[in-house]
Protein backbone atom coordinates (compact mmCIF):
# COMPACT_ATOMS: atom_id res chain seq x y z
CA MET A 1 -14.29 27.47 -79.67
CA TYR A 2 -12.61 24.13 -78.98
CA GLY A 3 -15.05 22.58 -81.50
CA ASP A 4 -13.52 24.86 -84.15
CA LEU A 5 -10.10 23.58 -83.08
CA LEU A 6 -11.07 19.98 -83.90
CA ALA A 7 -12.86 21.05 -87.10
CA ALA A 8 -9.64 22.65 -88.39
CA LEU A 9 -7.64 19.41 -88.10
CA PRO A 10 -8.67 17.78 -91.44
CA ASN A 11 -7.41 20.78 -93.42
CA VAL A 12 -4.02 20.64 -91.73
CA VAL A 13 -3.40 16.98 -92.54
CA SER A 14 -3.88 17.52 -96.27
CA ILE A 15 -0.82 16.72 -98.39
CA GLU A 16 0.10 20.31 -99.30
CA ASN A 17 -0.20 21.60 -95.71
CA PHE A 18 1.71 18.70 -94.20
CA LEU A 19 4.42 19.03 -96.85
CA ALA A 20 4.72 22.74 -96.03
CA ILE A 21 5.39 21.89 -92.37
CA VAL A 22 8.04 19.31 -93.35
CA ILE A 23 9.81 21.74 -95.70
CA GLY A 24 9.60 24.47 -93.06
CA VAL A 25 11.15 22.31 -90.34
CA LEU A 26 14.03 21.24 -92.59
CA ALA A 27 14.62 24.81 -93.76
CA GLY A 28 14.47 26.02 -90.15
CA ILE A 29 17.09 23.52 -89.01
CA ALA A 30 19.35 24.62 -91.88
CA VAL A 31 18.89 28.29 -90.96
CA GLY A 32 19.47 27.71 -87.26
CA ALA A 33 22.61 25.69 -88.03
CA MET A 34 24.25 28.74 -89.60
CA PRO A 35 25.51 31.24 -86.99
CA GLY A 36 24.30 34.73 -87.79
CA LEU A 37 21.05 33.57 -89.36
CA SER A 38 17.80 33.35 -87.40
CA ALA A 39 14.18 32.31 -87.66
CA THR A 40 13.25 36.01 -87.74
CA MET A 41 15.40 36.62 -90.82
CA ALA A 42 14.29 33.40 -92.53
CA ILE A 43 10.58 34.15 -92.11
CA SER A 44 11.14 37.76 -93.23
CA VAL A 45 12.72 36.52 -96.46
CA LEU A 46 10.01 33.86 -96.87
CA VAL A 47 6.95 36.13 -96.53
CA PRO A 48 7.14 37.72 -100.03
CA PHE A 49 7.23 34.27 -101.63
CA THR A 50 3.98 33.21 -99.95
CA PHE A 51 1.68 35.66 -101.72
CA GLY A 52 0.26 33.12 -104.12
CA LEU A 53 -0.02 30.36 -101.53
CA ASP A 54 -3.02 29.32 -99.49
CA PRO A 55 -2.81 31.05 -96.07
CA LEU A 56 -2.55 27.73 -94.22
CA VAL A 57 0.28 26.55 -96.46
CA ALA A 58 2.16 29.81 -95.89
CA LEU A 59 1.61 29.66 -92.13
CA GLY A 60 2.70 26.01 -92.11
CA LEU A 61 6.02 27.02 -93.62
CA MET A 62 6.43 29.73 -90.96
CA ALA A 63 5.53 27.39 -88.10
CA GLY A 64 7.94 24.76 -89.42
CA ILE A 65 10.78 27.25 -89.80
CA TYR A 66 10.23 28.60 -86.29
CA ASN A 67 10.32 25.12 -84.73
CA GLY A 68 13.25 23.95 -86.82
CA ALA A 69 15.40 27.06 -86.33
CA MET A 70 15.08 26.97 -82.55
CA TYR A 71 16.56 23.47 -82.55
CA GLY A 72 19.00 24.15 -85.40
CA GLY A 73 20.77 26.76 -83.28
CA ALA A 74 21.98 23.92 -81.05
CA ILE A 75 24.10 22.38 -83.85
CA PRO A 76 26.87 25.04 -83.96
CA ALA A 77 26.42 25.64 -80.21
CA VAL A 78 27.39 22.02 -79.53
CA LEU A 79 29.99 21.56 -82.26
CA LEU A 80 31.69 24.99 -82.26
CA ARG A 81 30.52 26.73 -79.07
CA ILE A 82 29.00 29.34 -81.41
CA PRO A 83 25.22 29.60 -80.80
CA GLY A 84 23.31 29.47 -84.07
CA THR A 85 20.55 31.52 -82.43
CA PRO A 86 20.67 33.75 -79.32
CA ALA A 87 18.46 31.29 -77.47
CA ALA A 88 21.09 28.54 -77.88
CA VAL A 89 23.76 30.28 -75.78
CA ALA A 90 22.96 28.21 -72.69
CA THR A 91 23.03 25.04 -74.80
CA SER A 92 26.73 25.56 -75.46
CA PHE A 93 27.58 25.48 -71.73
CA ASP A 94 27.36 21.69 -71.58
CA GLY A 95 26.85 20.79 -75.24
CA TYR A 96 30.31 21.87 -76.36
CA PRO A 97 32.14 19.99 -73.56
CA MET A 98 30.13 16.89 -74.55
CA ALA A 99 31.32 17.31 -78.15
CA GLN A 100 34.91 17.64 -76.94
CA GLN A 101 34.45 14.33 -75.09
CA GLY A 102 33.20 12.61 -78.25
CA ARG A 103 29.54 12.76 -77.22
CA GLY A 104 28.45 15.48 -79.66
CA GLY A 105 25.98 13.17 -81.38
CA TYR A 106 24.22 12.33 -78.12
CA ALA A 107 24.20 16.00 -77.10
CA LEU A 108 22.37 16.91 -80.30
CA GLN A 109 19.93 14.04 -79.85
CA VAL A 110 19.15 15.26 -76.33
CA ALA A 111 18.70 18.71 -77.86
CA VAL A 112 16.28 17.56 -80.54
CA VAL A 113 14.12 15.46 -78.19
CA SER A 114 14.05 18.26 -75.62
CA SER A 115 13.22 20.79 -78.34
CA ALA A 116 10.34 18.61 -79.50
CA PHE A 117 9.02 18.24 -75.94
CA GLY A 118 9.15 21.99 -75.35
CA GLY A 119 7.55 22.71 -78.72
CA ILE A 120 4.70 20.27 -78.07
CA ALA A 121 4.04 21.79 -74.63
CA SER A 122 4.07 25.27 -76.15
CA ALA A 123 1.62 24.31 -78.92
CA LEU A 124 -0.76 22.75 -76.39
CA ALA A 125 -0.58 25.92 -74.28
CA LEU A 126 -1.48 27.97 -77.37
CA MET A 127 -4.46 25.70 -78.07
CA LEU A 128 -5.75 25.80 -74.49
CA LEU A 129 -5.17 29.46 -73.56
CA ALA A 130 -5.70 31.45 -76.77
CA PRO A 131 -9.38 30.57 -77.49
CA PRO A 132 -10.81 31.65 -74.10
CA LEU A 133 -8.70 34.81 -74.13
CA ALA A 134 -9.96 35.62 -77.63
CA LYS A 135 -13.54 34.99 -76.53
CA VAL A 136 -13.21 37.56 -73.78
CA THR A 137 -11.60 40.16 -76.04
CA LEU A 138 -14.41 39.76 -78.61
CA LEU A 139 -16.56 41.72 -76.17
CA PHE A 140 -14.30 44.77 -76.46
CA GLY A 141 -15.45 47.94 -78.21
CA PRO A 142 -13.28 50.48 -80.10
CA ALA A 143 -12.18 52.23 -76.87
CA GLU A 144 -10.98 48.97 -75.33
CA VAL A 145 -9.26 47.92 -78.56
CA PHE A 146 -7.46 51.28 -78.66
CA TRP A 147 -6.14 50.76 -75.14
CA ILE A 148 -5.06 47.21 -75.99
CA ALA A 149 -3.02 48.63 -78.87
CA VAL A 150 -1.48 51.25 -76.56
CA PHE A 151 -0.77 48.57 -73.94
CA GLY A 152 0.92 46.42 -76.57
CA LEU A 153 3.14 49.27 -77.72
CA CYS A 154 4.08 50.22 -74.17
CA SER A 155 4.79 46.58 -73.29
CA ILE A 156 7.32 46.26 -76.08
CA ILE A 157 8.82 49.72 -75.52
CA PHE A 158 9.41 49.44 -71.79
CA LEU A 159 9.95 45.69 -71.35
CA LEU A 160 12.25 45.08 -74.32
CA GLY A 161 15.83 46.27 -74.45
CA GLU A 162 17.95 48.16 -71.98
CA SER A 163 16.78 51.68 -72.83
CA PRO A 164 13.08 52.67 -72.84
CA ILE A 165 14.04 55.83 -74.73
CA LYS A 166 15.45 53.77 -77.60
CA GLY A 167 12.37 51.56 -77.53
CA LEU A 168 10.15 54.65 -77.67
CA ILE A 169 12.09 56.05 -80.63
CA SER A 170 11.78 52.72 -82.45
CA ALA A 171 8.03 52.55 -81.82
CA CYS A 172 7.52 56.16 -82.96
CA PHE A 173 9.39 55.37 -86.16
CA GLY A 174 7.06 52.42 -86.77
CA ILE A 175 3.99 54.58 -86.08
CA PHE A 176 5.30 57.20 -88.50
CA VAL A 177 5.69 54.54 -91.21
CA SER A 178 2.10 53.38 -90.55
CA MET A 179 0.86 56.91 -91.31
CA ILE A 180 2.48 57.08 -94.75
CA GLY A 181 -0.10 56.94 -97.52
CA ALA A 182 -3.77 57.88 -97.83
CA ASP A 183 -5.69 58.87 -94.71
CA PRO A 184 -8.12 55.98 -93.98
CA ILE A 185 -11.06 58.38 -93.52
CA THR A 186 -10.42 61.47 -95.66
CA SER A 187 -8.13 59.82 -98.28
CA GLU A 188 -5.76 62.79 -98.10
CA GLU A 189 -2.10 62.04 -98.81
CA ARG A 190 0.18 61.85 -95.77
CA PHE A 191 3.99 61.83 -95.96
CA THR A 192 4.08 60.52 -99.53
CA PHE A 193 6.56 63.25 -100.60
CA GLY A 194 5.04 63.25 -104.06
CA TYR A 195 5.64 59.54 -104.78
CA LEU A 196 2.55 57.79 -106.12
CA GLU A 197 4.06 54.46 -105.06
CA LEU A 198 3.58 55.50 -101.42
CA PHE A 199 -0.11 56.38 -101.76
CA ASP A 200 -1.16 52.89 -100.60
CA GLY A 201 1.30 53.00 -97.70
CA ILE A 202 4.40 50.95 -96.93
CA SER A 203 4.03 47.20 -97.35
CA ILE A 204 4.92 45.47 -94.11
CA VAL A 205 6.83 42.87 -96.15
CA ILE A 206 9.26 45.52 -97.38
CA LEU A 207 9.80 46.73 -93.82
CA LEU A 208 10.30 43.20 -92.47
CA VAL A 209 12.80 42.16 -95.12
CA GLY A 210 14.75 45.40 -94.79
CA LEU A 211 14.87 45.55 -90.99
CA TYR A 212 15.27 41.87 -90.15
CA ALA A 213 17.04 40.30 -93.12
CA MET A 214 19.56 42.94 -94.20
CA PRO A 215 21.47 43.53 -90.89
CA PRO A 216 22.21 39.80 -90.28
CA VAL A 217 23.38 39.38 -93.87
CA ILE A 218 25.77 42.32 -93.55
CA ASP A 219 27.09 40.87 -90.29
CA LEU A 220 27.39 37.50 -91.99
CA LEU A 221 29.61 38.99 -94.70
CA GLU A 222 31.63 41.05 -92.21
CA THR A 223 32.44 38.30 -89.71
CA PRO A 224 34.59 35.29 -90.64
CA LEU A 225 33.55 31.95 -89.16
CA GLU A 226 36.07 29.52 -87.71
CA THR A 227 34.79 26.06 -88.62
CA LYS A 228 37.61 23.97 -87.18
CA GLY A 229 36.09 20.78 -85.88
CA ALA A 230 32.76 21.30 -87.64
CA GLY A 231 33.43 18.54 -90.11
CA LYS A 232 33.96 15.77 -87.54
CA ALA A 233 31.60 12.84 -87.94
CA LEU A 234 29.01 12.78 -85.18
CA HIS A 235 28.42 9.02 -85.26
CA THR A 236 24.87 9.39 -83.98
CA GLU A 237 22.89 6.26 -83.21
CA SER A 238 19.19 5.90 -83.96
CA ILE A 239 17.10 8.42 -82.08
CA PHE A 240 14.86 5.60 -80.87
CA LYS A 241 17.85 3.77 -79.37
CA ALA A 242 19.09 6.93 -77.66
CA PHE A 243 15.67 7.94 -76.35
CA PRO A 244 15.46 5.44 -73.41
CA ARG A 245 18.60 7.00 -71.90
CA MET A 246 16.79 10.35 -71.72
CA PHE A 247 13.86 9.28 -69.55
CA GLY A 248 15.66 10.60 -66.49
CA TYR A 249 15.25 14.17 -67.74
CA TRP A 250 11.43 14.15 -67.54
CA LYS A 251 11.32 16.49 -64.52
CA THR A 252 13.60 18.94 -66.34
CA TRP A 253 11.41 18.77 -69.44
CA ILE A 254 8.25 19.60 -67.49
CA ARG A 255 9.83 22.36 -65.38
CA SER A 256 11.59 23.94 -68.36
CA SER A 257 8.42 23.79 -70.46
CA LEU A 258 6.46 25.71 -67.84
CA ILE A 259 9.23 28.32 -67.59
CA GLY A 260 9.40 28.66 -71.38
CA ILE A 261 5.64 29.00 -71.77
CA TRP A 262 5.46 31.69 -69.10
CA ILE A 263 8.38 33.65 -70.57
CA GLY A 264 6.90 33.33 -74.06
CA ILE A 265 3.65 34.95 -72.97
CA LEU A 266 5.49 37.92 -71.45
CA PRO A 267 6.03 40.62 -74.11
CA GLY A 268 9.66 41.19 -74.98
CA ALA A 269 11.16 38.35 -72.90
CA GLY A 270 12.10 35.76 -75.52
CA GLY A 271 13.79 32.37 -75.70
CA SER A 272 17.17 33.55 -74.42
CA MET A 273 15.73 34.53 -71.04
CA ALA A 274 13.73 31.29 -70.89
CA ALA A 275 16.84 29.19 -71.64
CA PHE A 276 18.98 30.90 -68.98
CA MET A 277 16.27 30.78 -66.32
CA SER A 278 15.58 27.12 -67.03
CA TYR A 279 19.28 26.23 -67.05
CA ASN A 280 19.86 27.95 -63.70
CA GLU A 281 16.78 26.38 -62.12
CA ALA A 282 17.70 22.89 -63.36
CA ARG A 283 21.24 23.28 -62.07
CA ARG A 284 19.97 24.46 -58.71
CA SER A 285 17.72 21.40 -58.47
CA SER A 286 20.40 18.96 -59.62
CA ASN A 287 22.05 16.41 -57.33
CA ASN A 288 25.42 17.07 -58.98
CA PRO A 289 25.56 20.82 -59.79
CA GLU A 290 29.39 20.72 -59.80
CA GLN A 291 29.33 18.69 -63.04
CA TRP A 292 27.31 21.31 -64.90
CA GLY A 293 29.43 23.14 -67.43
CA GLU A 294 31.63 20.05 -67.82
CA GLY A 295 29.35 18.08 -70.14
CA GLU A 296 26.05 17.45 -68.31
CA PRO A 297 23.32 16.32 -70.79
CA GLU A 298 20.59 17.62 -68.51
CA GLY A 299 21.94 21.14 -69.04
CA VAL A 300 21.34 20.74 -72.77
CA ALA A 301 17.86 19.38 -72.06
CA ALA A 302 16.96 22.31 -69.81
CA SER A 303 18.09 24.97 -72.28
CA GLU A 304 16.57 23.42 -75.41
CA THR A 305 13.24 22.60 -73.78
CA ALA A 306 12.77 26.15 -72.55
CA ASN A 307 13.76 27.98 -75.72
CA ASN A 308 11.34 25.82 -77.75
CA ALA A 309 8.53 26.14 -75.19
CA ASP A 310 8.78 29.85 -75.93
CA THR A 311 7.74 29.47 -79.59
CA ALA A 312 3.98 28.94 -79.83
CA SER A 313 3.30 30.49 -76.42
CA ALA A 314 4.69 33.81 -77.70
CA LEU A 315 1.77 33.79 -80.15
CA ILE A 316 -0.87 33.67 -77.41
CA PRO A 317 -0.86 37.46 -76.88
CA ALA A 318 0.06 38.00 -80.54
CA LEU A 319 -2.97 36.23 -82.02
CA THR A 320 -5.51 37.33 -79.41
CA LEU A 321 -4.41 40.89 -78.63
CA GLY A 322 -1.99 41.75 -81.45
CA ILE A 323 0.88 41.94 -78.92
CA PRO A 324 3.82 39.74 -80.02
CA GLY A 325 5.93 38.21 -77.26
CA THR A 326 9.07 37.94 -79.41
CA ALA A 327 10.62 39.39 -82.56
CA VAL A 328 9.66 36.25 -84.50
CA ALA A 329 6.07 36.61 -83.35
CA ALA A 330 6.13 40.21 -84.59
CA VAL A 331 7.30 39.04 -88.02
CA MET A 332 4.61 36.35 -88.03
CA LEU A 333 1.99 39.02 -87.40
CA GLY A 334 3.26 40.64 -90.58
CA GLY A 335 2.83 37.31 -92.36
CA LEU A 336 -0.78 37.16 -91.18
CA LEU A 337 -1.45 40.68 -92.44
CA VAL A 338 0.01 39.83 -95.84
CA HIS A 339 -2.70 37.19 -96.22
CA GLY A 340 -5.49 39.50 -95.10
CA LEU A 341 -5.66 38.18 -91.53
CA GLN A 342 -5.89 40.91 -88.89
CA PRO A 343 -4.36 39.76 -85.56
CA GLY A 344 -6.70 40.25 -82.64
CA PRO A 345 -9.97 38.87 -81.28
CA MET A 346 -11.74 39.16 -84.65
CA LEU A 347 -9.26 36.68 -86.11
CA PHE A 348 -10.87 33.84 -84.11
CA ARG A 349 -14.37 34.83 -85.21
CA ASP A 350 -13.75 35.54 -88.90
CA ASN A 351 -10.93 33.09 -89.72
CA ALA A 352 -11.31 30.30 -87.16
CA ASP A 353 -10.30 27.58 -89.64
CA VAL A 354 -7.01 29.32 -90.40
CA VAL A 355 -6.00 30.33 -86.87
CA PHE A 356 -6.82 26.93 -85.36
CA GLY A 357 -5.12 25.19 -88.26
CA PHE A 358 -2.06 27.32 -87.50
CA MET A 359 -2.06 25.95 -83.95
CA TRP A 360 -2.15 22.36 -85.21
CA GLN A 361 0.75 23.16 -87.52
CA PHE A 362 2.86 24.23 -84.56
CA LEU A 363 2.09 20.96 -82.80
CA PHE A 364 2.92 18.83 -85.84
CA GLY A 365 6.09 20.87 -86.49
CA ALA A 366 7.31 20.10 -82.97
CA ILE A 367 6.57 16.37 -83.36
CA LEU A 368 8.33 16.24 -86.74
CA LEU A 369 11.49 17.59 -85.12
CA ILE A 370 12.16 14.13 -83.65
CA PHE A 371 11.81 12.36 -87.00
CA LEU A 372 13.48 14.98 -89.21
CA GLY A 373 16.20 16.19 -86.85
CA GLY A 374 17.00 12.96 -85.05
CA SER A 375 19.99 11.67 -87.02
CA LEU A 376 20.12 12.24 -90.77
CA ALA A 377 19.16 15.93 -90.83
CA THR A 378 21.46 16.78 -87.93
CA ASN A 379 24.46 15.17 -89.64
CA SER A 380 23.59 16.77 -92.97
CA PHE A 381 23.02 20.30 -91.69
CA ALA A 382 26.16 20.17 -89.56
CA ASN A 383 28.01 20.27 -92.88
CA LEU A 384 26.47 23.68 -93.64
CA LEU A 385 29.00 25.09 -91.18
CA LYS A 386 31.64 24.52 -93.86
CA LEU A 387 29.80 26.62 -96.47
CA PRO A 388 31.69 29.89 -97.23
CA ARG A 389 29.90 32.88 -95.76
CA PRO A 390 30.20 35.10 -98.87
CA ILE A 391 28.33 32.47 -100.90
CA LEU A 392 25.62 32.10 -98.27
CA GLY A 393 25.22 35.86 -97.88
CA SER A 394 25.00 36.35 -101.65
CA ILE A 395 22.26 33.72 -101.95
CA ILE A 396 20.20 35.40 -99.23
CA ILE A 397 20.58 38.86 -100.81
CA VAL A 398 19.41 37.55 -104.19
CA LEU A 399 16.35 35.96 -102.53
CA MET A 400 15.58 39.24 -100.76
CA PHE A 401 15.70 41.20 -104.02
CA ILE A 402 13.54 38.67 -105.89
CA GLY A 403 11.01 38.43 -103.07
CA VAL A 404 10.52 42.17 -102.64
CA TYR A 405 10.45 42.87 -106.39
CA SER A 406 7.77 40.20 -106.89
CA ILE A 407 5.32 42.04 -104.62
CA ASN A 408 4.44 44.77 -107.14
CA GLU A 409 7.08 44.10 -109.82
CA ARG A 410 8.75 47.49 -109.39
CA MET A 411 12.25 48.54 -108.42
CA PHE A 412 10.89 51.26 -106.13
CA ASP A 413 10.08 48.57 -103.56
CA VAL A 414 13.63 47.20 -103.80
CA TYR A 415 15.10 50.66 -103.19
CA LEU A 416 12.71 51.12 -100.26
CA MET A 417 13.82 47.76 -98.84
CA LEU A 418 17.46 48.84 -99.08
CA ILE A 419 16.66 52.08 -97.24
CA PHE A 420 14.95 50.16 -94.44
CA GLY A 421 17.88 47.73 -94.47
CA MET A 422 20.36 50.53 -93.85
CA ILE A 423 18.10 51.98 -91.15
CA GLY A 424 17.84 48.55 -89.53
CA TYR A 425 21.62 48.07 -89.69
CA VAL A 426 22.27 51.41 -87.98
CA MET A 427 19.58 50.73 -85.37
CA ASP A 428 21.08 47.30 -84.69
CA LYS A 429 24.58 48.74 -84.24
CA PHE A 430 23.32 51.38 -81.82
CA LYS A 431 21.21 48.82 -79.91
CA PHE A 432 17.81 50.17 -80.91
CA PRO A 433 15.25 47.33 -80.57
CA LEU A 434 13.59 46.38 -83.87
CA PRO A 435 10.32 44.73 -82.68
CA PRO A 436 8.81 48.11 -81.61
CA VAL A 437 9.18 49.31 -85.22
CA VAL A 438 7.17 46.38 -86.54
CA LEU A 439 4.62 46.67 -83.76
CA GLY A 440 4.37 50.41 -84.36
CA LEU A 441 3.53 49.75 -88.02
CA ILE A 442 1.00 47.03 -87.14
CA LEU A 443 -0.67 48.70 -84.16
CA GLY A 444 -0.20 52.33 -85.21
CA GLY A 445 -2.94 52.33 -87.82
CA PHE A 446 -5.02 49.96 -85.68
CA ALA A 447 -4.87 52.36 -82.71
CA GLU A 448 -5.55 55.42 -84.87
CA GLU A 449 -8.60 53.83 -86.46
CA ASN A 450 -10.16 52.81 -83.14
CA LEU A 451 -9.30 56.14 -81.51
CA ARG A 452 -11.05 58.08 -84.24
CA LEU A 453 -13.99 55.67 -84.18
CA THR A 454 -14.32 56.11 -80.40
CA LEU A 455 -14.29 59.90 -80.76
CA LEU A 456 -16.87 59.73 -83.56
CA ILE A 457 -19.17 57.62 -81.39
CA GLY A 458 -18.59 59.96 -78.43
CA ARG A 459 -19.08 63.07 -80.62
CA GLY A 460 -15.60 64.33 -79.93
CA ASP A 461 -15.68 63.74 -76.16
CA TRP A 462 -12.27 62.38 -75.06
CA MET A 463 -13.85 60.94 -71.93
CA ALA A 464 -15.37 58.27 -74.20
CA LEU A 465 -11.99 56.55 -73.89
CA PHE A 466 -12.53 56.10 -70.15
CA ASN A 467 -16.25 55.38 -69.95
CA ASN A 468 -16.14 51.77 -68.68
CA THR A 469 -14.31 49.56 -66.21
CA THR A 470 -12.45 47.54 -68.87
CA SER A 471 -10.89 50.68 -70.32
CA LEU A 472 -9.83 51.86 -66.88
CA VAL A 473 -8.24 48.48 -66.12
CA LEU A 474 -6.30 48.61 -69.42
CA VAL A 475 -5.19 52.18 -68.62
CA ALA A 476 -3.96 51.00 -65.21
CA LEU A 477 -2.05 48.09 -66.81
CA THR A 478 -0.48 50.47 -69.32
CA ILE A 479 0.67 52.79 -66.54
CA ALA A 480 2.05 49.81 -64.61
CA VAL A 481 4.03 48.66 -67.66
CA ILE A 482 5.53 52.16 -67.99
CA VAL A 483 6.21 52.85 -64.32
CA GLY A 484 7.17 49.32 -63.20
CA PRO A 485 10.52 49.04 -65.06
CA MET A 486 11.46 52.58 -63.98
CA ILE A 487 10.90 51.73 -60.30
CA LYS A 488 12.81 48.46 -60.70
CA ARG A 489 15.83 50.20 -62.24
CA ARG A 490 15.82 52.83 -59.49
CA LEU A 491 15.74 50.13 -56.80
CA VAL A 492 18.62 48.28 -58.46
CA LYS A 493 20.71 51.48 -58.49
CA GLN A 494 19.97 52.13 -54.83
CA ARG A 495 21.11 48.62 -53.87
CA LYS A 496 24.43 48.98 -55.62
CA PRO A 497 27.21 50.19 -53.25
């Protein structure tokens, strides 16, 4: 499979694909620089506009946005102590004090170099680990694939969020949405409520835009942003002049990259956990831990390396098993489906040129961070913090409407998007996790199809789901995912006085 990886490289370095990565990185930095916006929302809004694009071009835009947004969140975190993305919270601990001391430019340069290092490590991990994992899963039959889908759902439900019950409700809602439309075997209508527009099911794009783009926009319009101090000149020197001063952070870069990659692979963990774990570990290993929180550049390096090492590694289980490690990975799975690419082991067999090209795009996106975010882009996008929120929110809403309407050129889809937007807003306010909804839509139909195929092959015998060692191992892992968090919470309660 590594031969396919090298064979995909020429397609990625074509002008249109490389330009897509550049545009994506710049757009991602801009999105991350605006508190309240996120890579998840940006990619959700982008997906409808990629219909007419070549799959690699569309995926290049997504990879660029993901890489750029994870760094862009450091800009308001350093300048305003307002994280642009949740993963940038730890960056503000030392980044903001550095800005108060007049070293904001250097703090952002440490952030961009560290982000690039973490992103490169993450992309290499994706290249090295995903192909052999996909090769193993290609041997799976319908019973094993069904249990993988169940394992993926349970992983997100019980490992993401504070309440498994809320995660279960979210997943069930996603599974219900996946069942709307014609039955895949009998073609009978299911839950269409008489609307012909629902006969083909709910487009995942409509769900993504509604759930992930609408709630942040509403919050953006509701919450005023204090931008005092955002307009100060950063006075950044050339990134290549600043780079030699950062060599001392190489141990932090390596340690934080390993932490970020590991957290990225775990379903439901995410960049925020990686950043905090890396920051705490780096502080513990430091010779001067008392200076951390007062403007220590290594704290910025630890946080930014880890939250960017989480990016591509979160796609390892997503691409090979259909189990996204983060909310952004879940949205990217939707982007793959839009272009006719089914996440899972078959993706590596049937669309090797696209999936391996996608990996190269992540690597190039991380490298471009140094050149595009080093000085000019950082100074330019810092000025976005002065843009009035009502104007920004209005622009995003218009793009959402245009993107969703362009799918089938009908207002029904726009109304459906608004319904999902309101549902997503309510779920967000009541702390219901959103990734299980997306995963329920993606894996719900996948699980149903393989379950029914297994029963057809076994002539209705339910024991066909347990007829080999691989299935039994997957069942055991699923039970462990369900029972493990429950036992952990019980132990924590018992330890409390």
